[in-house]
């Protein structure tokens, strides 16, 4: 039912288009819902979910700092330093 969703962030995938993001979103929604294709009465909800996941994915990819972006790799504050001597 579901093929593997490939990594979309650089450098794993230097060229990522809207089609790639939508395909990953579609696979995710299919997996979570358990439906390859929704019944007519679920089609609108299914499509809304695909669009929401695609939008969140694009936002994530746009916001990620990869390799030397100054983010420290964790995205949060640096770990506390020890004050013990």
PDB file of N, CA and C in Angstrom:
ATOM      1  N   UNK A   1       0.815  -1.198   0.000  1.00  0.00           N
ATOM      2  CA  UNK A   1       0.000   0.000   0.000  1.00  0.00           C
ATOM      3  C   UNK A   1       0.856   1.260   0.000  1.00  0.00           C
ATOM      4  N   UNK A   2       1.986   1.229   0.667  1.00  0.00           N
ATOM      5  CA  UNK A   2       2.746   2.457   0.845  1.00  0.00           C
ATOM      6  C   UNK A   2       4.214   2.220   0.538  1.00  0.00           C
ATOM      7  N   UNK A   3       4.753   2.989  -0.371  1.00  0.00           N
ATOM      8  CA  UNK A   3       6.185   2.901  -0.611  1.00  0.00           C
ATOM      9  C   UNK A   3       6.881   3.775   0.416  1.00  0.00           C
ATOM     10  N   UNK A   4       8.155   3.601   0.540  1.00  0.00           N
ATOM     11  CA  UNK A   4       8.905   4.412   1.488  1.00  0.00           C
ATOM     12  C   UNK A   4       8.883   5.873   1.060  1.00  0.00           C
ATOM     13  N   UNK A   5       8.739   6.733   2.037  1.00  0.00           N
ATOM     14  CA  UNK A   5       8.821   8.166   1.772  1.00  0.00           C
ATOM     15  C   UNK A   5      10.295   8.524   1.793  1.00  0.00           C
ATOM     16  N   UNK A   6      10.785   9.127   0.737  1.00  0.00           N
ATOM     17  CA  UNK A   6      12.209   9.424   0.652  1.00  0.00           C
ATOM     18  C   UNK A   6      12.530  10.728   1.378  1.00  0.00           C
ATOM     19  N   UNK A   7      13.782  10.848   1.781  1.00  0.00           N
ATOM     20  CA  UNK A   7      14.248  12.056   2.452  1.00  0.00           C
ATOM     21  C   UNK A   7      14.227  13.208   1.462  1.00  0.00           C
ATOM     22  N   UNK A   8      13.677  14.340   1.889  1.00  0.00           N
ATOM     23  CA  UNK A   8      13.538  15.487   0.991  1.00  0.00           C
ATOM     24  C   UNK A   8      14.477  16.645   1.325  1.00  0.00           C
ATOM     25  N   UNK A   9      15.231  16.547   2.401  1.00  0.00           N
ATOM     26  CA  UNK A   9      16.090  17.673   2.768  1.00  0.00           C
ATOM     27  C   UNK A   9      17.456  17.559   2.100  1.00  0.00           C
ATOM     28  N   UNK A  10      18.068  18.716   1.846  1.00  0.00           N
ATOM     29  CA  UNK A  10      19.427  18.700   1.335  1.00  0.00           C
ATOM     30  C   UNK A  10      20.361  18.174   2.417  1.00  0.00           C
ATOM     31  N   UNK A  11      21.438  17.555   2.100  1.00  0.00           N
ATOM     32  CA  UNK A  11      21.942  17.253   0.764  1.00  0.00           C
ATOM     33  C   UNK A  11      21.398  15.954   0.206  1.00  0.00           C
ATOM     34  N   UNK A  12      20.514  15.281   0.926  1.00  0.00           N
ATOM     35  CA  UNK A  12      19.958  14.005   0.464  1.00  0.00           C
ATOM     36  C   UNK A  12      19.162  14.177  -0.831  1.00  0.00           C
ATOM     37  N   UNK A  13      18.494  15.293  -0.961  1.00  0.00           N
ATOM     38  CA  UNK A  13      17.697  15.576  -2.148  1.00  0.00           C
ATOM     39  C   UNK A  13      17.871  17.059  -2.489  1.00  0.00           C
ATOM     40  N   UNK A  14      18.895  17.395  -3.271  1.00  0.00           N
ATOM     41  CA  UNK A  14      19.174  18.799  -3.553  1.00  0.00           C
ATOM     42  C   UNK A  14      18.062  19.516  -4.315  1.00  0.00           C
ATOM     43  N   UNK A  15      17.338  18.820  -5.139  1.00  0.00           N
ATOM     44  CA  UNK A  15      16.259  19.427  -5.916  1.00  0.00           C
ATOM     45  C   UNK A  15      14.926  18.847  -5.453  1.00  0.00           C
ATOM     46  N   UNK A  16      14.159  19.611  -4.705  1.00  0.00           N
ATOM     47  CA  UNK A  16      12.866  19.150  -4.216  1.00  0.00           C
ATOM     48  C   UNK A  16      11.799  20.104  -4.715  1.00  0.00           C
ATOM     49  N   UNK A  17      10.885  19.560  -5.499  1.00  0.00           N
ATOM     50  CA  UNK A  17       9.812  20.385  -6.030  1.00  0.00           C
ATOM     51  C   UNK A  17       8.499  20.134  -5.308  1.00  0.00           C
ATOM     52  N   UNK A  18       7.500  20.911  -5.666  1.00  0.00           N
ATOM     53  CA  UNK A  18       6.175  20.770  -5.060  1.00  0.00           C
ATOM     54  C   UNK A  18       5.611  19.370  -5.285  1.00  0.00           C
ATOM     55  N   UNK A  19       5.935  18.784  -6.435  1.00  0.00           N
ATOM     56  CA  UNK A  19       5.466  17.434  -6.747  1.00  0.00           C
ATOM     57  C   UNK A  19       6.037  16.404  -5.763  1.00  0.00           C
ATOM     58  N   UNK A  20       7.306  16.561  -5.407  1.00  0.00           N
ATOM     59  CA  UNK A  20       7.948  15.666  -4.436  1.00  0.00           C
ATOM     60  C   UNK A  20       7.306  15.799  -3.058  1.00  0.00           C
ATOM     61  N   UNK A  21       7.058  17.040  -2.656  1.00  0.00           N
ATOM     62  CA  UNK A  21       6.459  17.300  -1.346  1.00  0.00           C
ATOM     63  C   UNK A  21       5.045  16.731  -1.303  1.00  0.00           C
ATOM     64  N   UNK A  22       4.282  16.935  -2.356  1.00  0.00           N
ATOM     65  CA  UNK A  22       2.908  16.427  -2.393  1.00  0.00           C
ATOM     66  C   UNK A  22       2.892  14.896  -2.394  1.00  0.00           C
ATOM     67  N   UNK A  23       3.817  14.272  -3.116  1.00  0.00           N
ATOM     68  CA  UNK A  23       3.875  12.809  -3.150  1.00  0.00           C
ATOM     69  C   UNK A  23       4.160  12.254  -1.760  1.00  0.00           C
ATOM     70  N   UNK A  24       5.063  12.883  -1.026  1.00  0.00           N
ATOM     71  CA  UNK A  24       5.371  12.437   0.335  1.00  0.00           C
ATOM     72  C   UNK A  24       4.156  12.641   1.239  1.00  0.00           C
ATOM     73  N   UNK A  25       3.476  13.772   1.090  1.00  0.00           N
ATOM     74  CA  UNK A  25       2.284  14.053   1.900  1.00  0.00           C
ATOM     75  C   UNK A  25       1.189  13.034   1.603  1.00  0.00           C
ATOM     76  N   UNK A  26       1.003  12.716   0.342  1.00  0.00           N
ATOM     77  CA  UNK A  26      -0.003  11.738  -0.047  1.00  0.00           C
ATOM     78  C   UNK A  26       0.308  10.375   0.560  1.00  0.00           C
ATOM     79  N   UNK A  27       1.565   9.959   0.508  1.00  0.00           N
ATOM     80  CA  UNK A  27       1.951   8.667   1.087  1.00  0.00           C
ATOM     81  C   UNK A  27       1.711   8.653   2.590  1.00  0.00           C
ATOM     82  N   UNK A  28       2.017   9.753   3.253  1.00  0.00           N
ATOM     83  CA  UNK A  28       1.805   9.848   4.692  1.00  0.00           C
ATOM     84  C   UNK A  28       0.315   9.718   5.032  1.00  0.00           C
ATOM     85  N   UNK A  29      -0.518  10.463   4.329  1.00  0.00           N
ATOM     86  CA  UNK A  29      -1.957  10.427   4.598  1.00  0.00           C
ATOM     87  C   UNK A  29      -2.535   9.046   4.283  1.00  0.00           C
ATOM     88  N   UNK A  30      -2.059   8.426   3.217  1.00  0.00           N
ATOM     89  CA  UNK A  30      -2.502   7.066   2.905  1.00  0.00           C
ATOM     90  C   UNK A  30      -2.153   6.102   4.032  1.00  0.00           C
ATOM     91  N   UNK A  31      -0.932   6.213   4.535  1.00  0.00           N
ATOM     92  CA  UNK A  31      -0.481   5.319   5.593  1.00  0.00           C
ATOM     93  C   UNK A  31      -1.288   5.534   6.871  1.00  0.00           C
ATOM     94  N   UNK A  32      -1.446   6.782   7.276  1.00  0.00           N
ATOM     95  CA  UNK A  32      -2.150   7.098   8.512  1.00  0.00           C
ATOM     96  C   UNK A  32      -3.636   6.727   8.427  1.00  0.00           C
ATOM     97  N   UNK A  33      -4.254   7.000   7.282  1.00  0.00           N
ATOM     98  CA  UNK A  33      -5.688   6.740   7.141  1.00  0.00           C
ATOM     99  C   UNK A  33      -5.994   5.269   6.876  1.00  0.00           C
ATOM    100  N   UNK A  34      -5.024   4.555   6.301  1.00  0.00           N
ATOM    101  CA  UNK A  34      -5.266   3.171   5.942  1.00  0.00           C
ATOM    102  C   UNK A  34      -5.976   3.013   4.603  1.00  0.00           C
ATOM    103  N   UNK A  35      -6.144   4.112   3.881  1.00  0.00           N
ATOM    104  CA  UNK A  35      -6.809   4.082   2.575  1.00  0.00           C
ATOM    105  C   UNK A  35      -5.850   4.500   1.478  1.00  0.00           C
ATOM    106  N   UNK A  36      -5.819   3.716   0.404  1.00  0.00           N
ATOM    107  CA  UNK A  36      -5.036   4.122  -0.759  1.00  0.00           C
ATOM    108  C   UNK A  36      -5.753   5.247  -1.482  1.00  0.00           C
ATOM    109  N   UNK A  37      -7.053   5.118  -1.582  1.00  0.00           N
ATOM    110  CA  UNK A  37      -7.895   6.157  -2.169  1.00  0.00           C
ATOM    111  C   UNK A  37      -9.157   6.244  -1.319  1.00  0.00           C
ATOM    112  N   UNK A  38      -9.572   7.432  -0.951  1.00  0.00           N
ATOM    113  CA  UNK A  38     -10.731   7.570  -0.080  1.00  0.00           C
ATOM    114  C   UNK A  38     -12.043   7.344  -0.824  1.00  0.00           C
ATOM    115  N   UNK A  39     -13.058   6.952  -0.074  1.00  0.00           N
ATOM    116  CA  UNK A  39     -14.410   6.876  -0.634  1.00  0.00           C
ATOM    117  C   UNK A  39     -14.860   8.306  -0.929  1.00  0.00           C
ATOM    118  N   UNK A  40     -15.858   8.423  -1.764  1.00  0.00           N
ATOM    119  CA  UNK A  40     -16.338   9.744  -2.176  1.00  0.00           C
ATOM    120  C   UNK A  40     -16.682  10.635  -0.977  1.00  0.00           C
ATOM    121  N   UNK A  41     -17.288  10.049   0.056  1.00  0.00           N
ATOM    122  CA  UNK A  41     -17.698  10.869   1.201  1.00  0.00           C
ATOM    123  C   UNK A  41     -16.510  11.289   2.076  1.00  0.00           C
ATOM    124  N   UNK A  42     -15.328  10.720   1.850  1.00  0.00           N
ATOM    125  CA  UNK A  42     -14.128  11.105   2.599  1.00  0.00           C
ATOM    126  C   UNK A  42     -13.111  11.869   1.756  1.00  0.00           C
ATOM    127  N   UNK A  43     -13.405  12.056   0.502  1.00  0.00           N
ATOM    128  CA  UNK A  43     -12.435  12.649  -0.422  1.00  0.00           C
ATOM    129  C   UNK A  43     -11.994  14.050  -0.002  1.00  0.00           C
ATOM    130  N   UNK A  44     -12.932  14.903   0.409  1.00  0.00           N
ATOM    131  CA  UNK A  44     -12.579  16.278   0.785  1.00  0.00           C
ATOM    132  C   UNK A  44     -11.665  16.290   2.008  1.00  0.00           C
ATOM    133  N   UNK A  45     -11.971  15.483   3.006  1.00  0.00           N
ATOM    134  CA  UNK A  45     -11.140  15.414   4.212  1.00  0.00           C
ATOM    135  C   UNK A  45      -9.744  14.889   3.865  1.00  0.00           C
ATOM    136  N   UNK A  46      -9.695  13.889   3.005  1.00  0.00           N
ATOM    137  CA  UNK A  46      -8.431  13.292   2.579  1.00  0.00           C
ATOM    138  C   UNK A  46      -7.568  14.341   1.875  1.00  0.00           C
ATOM    139  N   UNK A  47      -8.156  15.076   0.948  1.00  0.00           N
ATOM    140  CA  UNK A  47      -7.417  16.099   0.202  1.00  0.00           C
ATOM    141  C   UNK A  47      -6.958  17.238   1.106  1.00  0.00           C
ATOM    142  N   UNK A  48      -7.805  17.644   2.056  1.00  0.00           N
ATOM    143  CA  UNK A  48      -7.400  18.680   3.014  1.00  0.00           C
ATOM    144  C   UNK A  48      -6.191  18.220   3.824  1.00  0.00           C
ATOM    145  N   UNK A  49      -6.222  16.958   4.223  1.00  0.00           N
ATOM    146  CA  UNK A  49      -5.098  16.411   4.995  1.00  0.00           C
ATOM    147  C   UNK A  49      -3.824  16.397   4.153  1.00  0.00           C
ATOM    148  N   UNK A  50      -3.919  15.992   2.910  1.00  0.00           N
ATOM    149  CA  UNK A  50      -2.743  15.971   2.027  1.00  0.00           C
ATOM    150  C   UNK A  50      -2.188  17.386   1.880  1.00  0.00           C
ATOM    151  N   UNK A  51      -3.050  18.358   1.667  1.00  0.00           N
ATOM    152  CA  UNK A  51      -2.591  19.741   1.509  1.00  0.00           C
ATOM    153  C   UNK A  51      -1.968  20.275   2.791  1.00  0.00           C
ATOM    154  N   UNK A  52      -2.544  19.955   3.945  1.00  0.00           N
ATOM    155  CA  UNK A  52      -1.997  20.415   5.226  1.00  0.00           C
ATOM    156  C   UNK A  52      -0.624  19.800   5.486  1.00  0.00           C
ATOM    157  N   UNK A  53      -0.478  18.513   5.210  1.00  0.00           N
ATOM    158  CA  UNK A  53       0.813  17.845   5.411  1.00  0.00           C
ATOM    159  C   UNK A  53       1.846  18.392   4.424  1.00  0.00           C
ATOM    160  N   UNK A  54       1.440  18.624   3.187  1.00  0.00           N
ATOM    161  CA  UNK A  54       2.361  19.183   2.197  1.00  0.00           C
ATOM    162  C   UNK A  54       2.830  20.571   2.621  1.00  0.00           C
ATOM    163  N   UNK A  55       1.918  21.393   3.116  1.00  0.00           N
ATOM    164  CA  UNK A  55       2.270  22.741   3.568  1.00  0.00           C
ATOM    165  C   UNK A  55       3.231  22.678   4.760  1.00  0.00           C
ATOM    166  N   UNK A  56       2.938  21.810   5.721  1.00  0.00           N
ATOM    167  CA  UNK A  56       3.814  21.658   6.885  1.00  0.00           C
ATOM    168  C   UNK A  56       5.192  21.142   6.461  1.00  0.00           C
ATOM    169  N   UNK A  57       5.223  20.250   5.493  1.00  0.00           N
ATOM    170  CA  UNK A  57       6.486  19.703   5.003  1.00  0.00           C
ATOM    171  C   UNK A  57       7.318  20.782   4.330  1.00  0.00           C
ATOM    172  N   UNK A  58       6.688  21.570   3.488  1.00  0.00           N
ATOM    173  CA  UNK A  58       7.402  22.658   2.794  1.00  0.00           C
ATOM    174  C   UNK A  58       7.945  23.655   3.813  1.00  0.00           C
ATOM    175  N   UNK A  59       7.129  23.987   4.817  1.00  0.00           N
ATOM    176  CA  UNK A  59       7.553  24.911   5.866  1.00  0.00           C
ATOM    177  C   UNK A  59       8.758  24.343   6.637  1.00  0.00           C
ATOM    178  N   UNK A  60       8.687  23.074   6.971  1.00  0.00           N
ATOM    179  CA  UNK A  60       9.796  22.424   7.667  1.00  0.00           C
ATOM    180  C   UNK A  60      11.068  22.475   6.829  1.00  0.00           C
ATOM    181  N   UNK A  61      10.969  22.091   5.572  1.00  0.00           N
ATOM    182  CA  UNK A  61      12.144  22.081   4.699  1.00  0.00           C
ATOM    183  C   UNK A  61      12.718  23.484   4.521  1.00  0.00           C
ATOM    184  N   UNK A  62      11.847  24.479   4.435  1.00  0.00           N
ATOM    185  CA  UNK A  62      12.306  25.860   4.284  1.00  0.00           C
ATOM    186  C   UNK A  62      13.012  26.368   5.540  1.00  0.00           C
ATOM    187  N   UNK A  63      12.591  25.877   6.707  1.00  0.00           N
ATOM    188  CA  UNK A  63      13.136  26.360   7.975  1.00  0.00           C
ATOM    189  C   UNK A  63      14.354  25.601   8.476  1.00  0.00           C
ATOM    190  N   UNK A  64      14.605  24.408   7.956  1.00  0.00           N
ATOM    191  CA  UNK A  64      15.730  23.613   8.436  1.00  0.00           C
ATOM    192  C   UNK A  64      17.059  24.265   8.095  1.00  0.00           C
ATOM    193  N   UNK A  65      17.979  24.197   9.041  1.00  0.00           N
ATOM    194  CA  UNK A  65      19.355  24.627   8.801  1.00  0.00           C
ATOM    195  C   UNK A  65      20.194  23.362   8.771  1.00  0.00           C
ATOM    196  N   UNK A  66      20.844  23.126   7.662  1.00  0.00           N
ATOM    197  CA  UNK A  66      21.606  21.894   7.495  1.00  0.00           C
ATOM    198  C   UNK A  66      23.079  22.215   7.341  1.00  0.00           C
ATOM    199  N   UNK A  67      23.899  21.519   8.098  1.00  0.00           N
ATOM    200  CA  UNK A  67      25.359  21.618   7.958  1.00  0.00           C
ATOM    201  C   UNK A  67      25.928  23.011   7.971  1.00  0.00           C
ATOM    202  N   UNK A  68      26.415  23.460   9.110  1.00  0.00           N
ATOM    203  CA  UNK A  68      27.088  24.748   9.198  1.00  0.00           C
ATOM    204  C   UNK A  68      26.156  25.928   9.195  1.00  0.00           C
ATOM    205  N   UNK A  69      24.860  25.687   9.454  1.00  0.00           N
ATOM    206  CA  UNK A  69      23.904  26.783   9.475  1.00  0.00           C
ATOM    207  C   UNK A  69      23.930  27.580  10.759  1.00  0.00           C
ATOM    208  N   UNK A  70      24.798  27.189  11.695  1.00  0.00           N
ATOM    209  CA  UNK A  70      24.913  27.937  12.930  1.00  0.00           C
ATOM    210  C   UNK A  70      23.893  27.537  13.970  1.00  0.00           C
ATOM    211  N   UNK A  71      23.046  26.570  13.648  1.00  0.00           N
ATOM    212  CA  UNK A  71      22.010  26.172  14.580  1.00  0.00           C
ATOM    213  C   UNK A  71      22.463  25.135  15.580  1.00  0.00           C
ATOM    214  N   UNK A  72      23.669  24.638  15.481  1.00  0.00           N
ATOM    215  CA  UNK A  72      24.159  23.659  16.424  1.00  0.00           C
ATOM    216  C   UNK A  72      23.584  22.283  16.221  1.00  0.00           C
ATOM    217  N   UNK A  73      22.744  22.116  15.205  1.00  0.00           N
ATOM    218  CA  UNK A  73      22.194  20.814  14.885  1.00  0.00           C
ATOM    219  C   UNK A  73      20.985  20.429  15.695  1.00  0.00           C
ATOM    220  N   UNK A  74      20.776  21.032  16.852  1.00  0.00           N
ATOM    221  CA  UNK A  74      19.658  20.631  17.689  1.00  0.00           C
ATOM    222  C   UNK A  74      18.453  21.530  17.559  1.00  0.00           C
ATOM    223  N   UNK A  75      18.636  22.724  17.081  1.00  0.00           N
ATOM    224  CA  UNK A  75      17.531  23.634  16.909  1.00  0.00           C
ATOM    225  C   UNK A  75      17.123  24.333  18.195  1.00  0.00           C
ATOM    226  N   UNK A  76      17.694  23.968  19.322  1.00  0.00           N
ATOM    227  CA  UNK A  76      17.328  24.592  20.585  1.00  0.00           C
ATOM    228  C   UNK A  76      18.519  25.282  21.187  1.00  0.00           C
ATOM    229  N   UNK A  77      18.383  25.712  22.445  1.00  0.00           N
ATOM    230  CA  UNK A  77      19.499  26.380  23.101  1.00  0.00           C
ATOM    231  C   UNK A  77      20.632  25.399  23.363  1.00  0.00           C
ATOM    232  N   UNK A  78      21.844  25.886  23.532  1.00  0.00           N
ATOM    233  CA  UNK A  78      22.968  24.985  23.802  1.00  0.00           C
ATOM    234  C   UNK A  78      22.788  24.339  25.167  1.00  0.00           C
ATOM    235  N   UNK A  79      23.395  23.167  25.366  1.00  0.00           N
ATOM    236  CA  UNK A  79      23.264  22.504  26.667  1.00  0.00           C
ATOM    237  C   UNK A  79      23.942  23.336  27.736  1.00  0.00           C
ATOM    238  N   UNK A  80      23.457  23.216  28.982  1.00  0.00           N
ATOM    239  CA  UNK A  80      24.072  23.998  30.055  1.00  0.00           C
ATOM    240  C   UNK A  80      25.506  23.546  30.306  1.00  0.00           C
ATOM    241  N   UNK A  81      26.332  24.498  30.698  1.00  0.00           N
ATOM    242  CA  UNK A  81      27.719  24.154  31.013  1.00  0.00           C
ATOM    243  C   UNK A  81      27.824  23.782  32.476  1.00  0.00           C
ATOM    244  N   UNK A  82      28.752  22.912  32.776  1.00  0.00           N
ATOM    245  CA  UNK A  82      28.940  22.457  34.137  1.00  0.00           C
ATOM    246  C   UNK A  82      29.662  23.519  34.947  1.00  0.00           C
ATOM    247  N   UNK A  83      29.212  23.745  36.172  1.00  0.00           N
ATOM    248  CA  UNK A  83      29.871  24.726  37.044  1.00  0.00           C
ATOM    249  C   UNK A  83      30.735  24.051  38.087  1.00  0.00           C
ATOM    250  N   UNK A  84      30.812  22.705  38.035  1.00  0.00           N
ATOM    251  CA  UNK A  84      31.651  21.969  38.992  1.00  0.00           C
ATOM    252  C   UNK A  84      33.114  22.095  38.619  1.00  0.00           C
ATOM    253  N   UNK A  85      33.998  22.124  39.621  1.00  0.00           N
ATOM    254  CA  UNK A  85      35.429  22.211  39.350  1.00  0.00           C
ATOM    255  C   UNK A  85      36.110  20.940  39.762  1.00  0.00           C
TER     256      UNK A  85
END
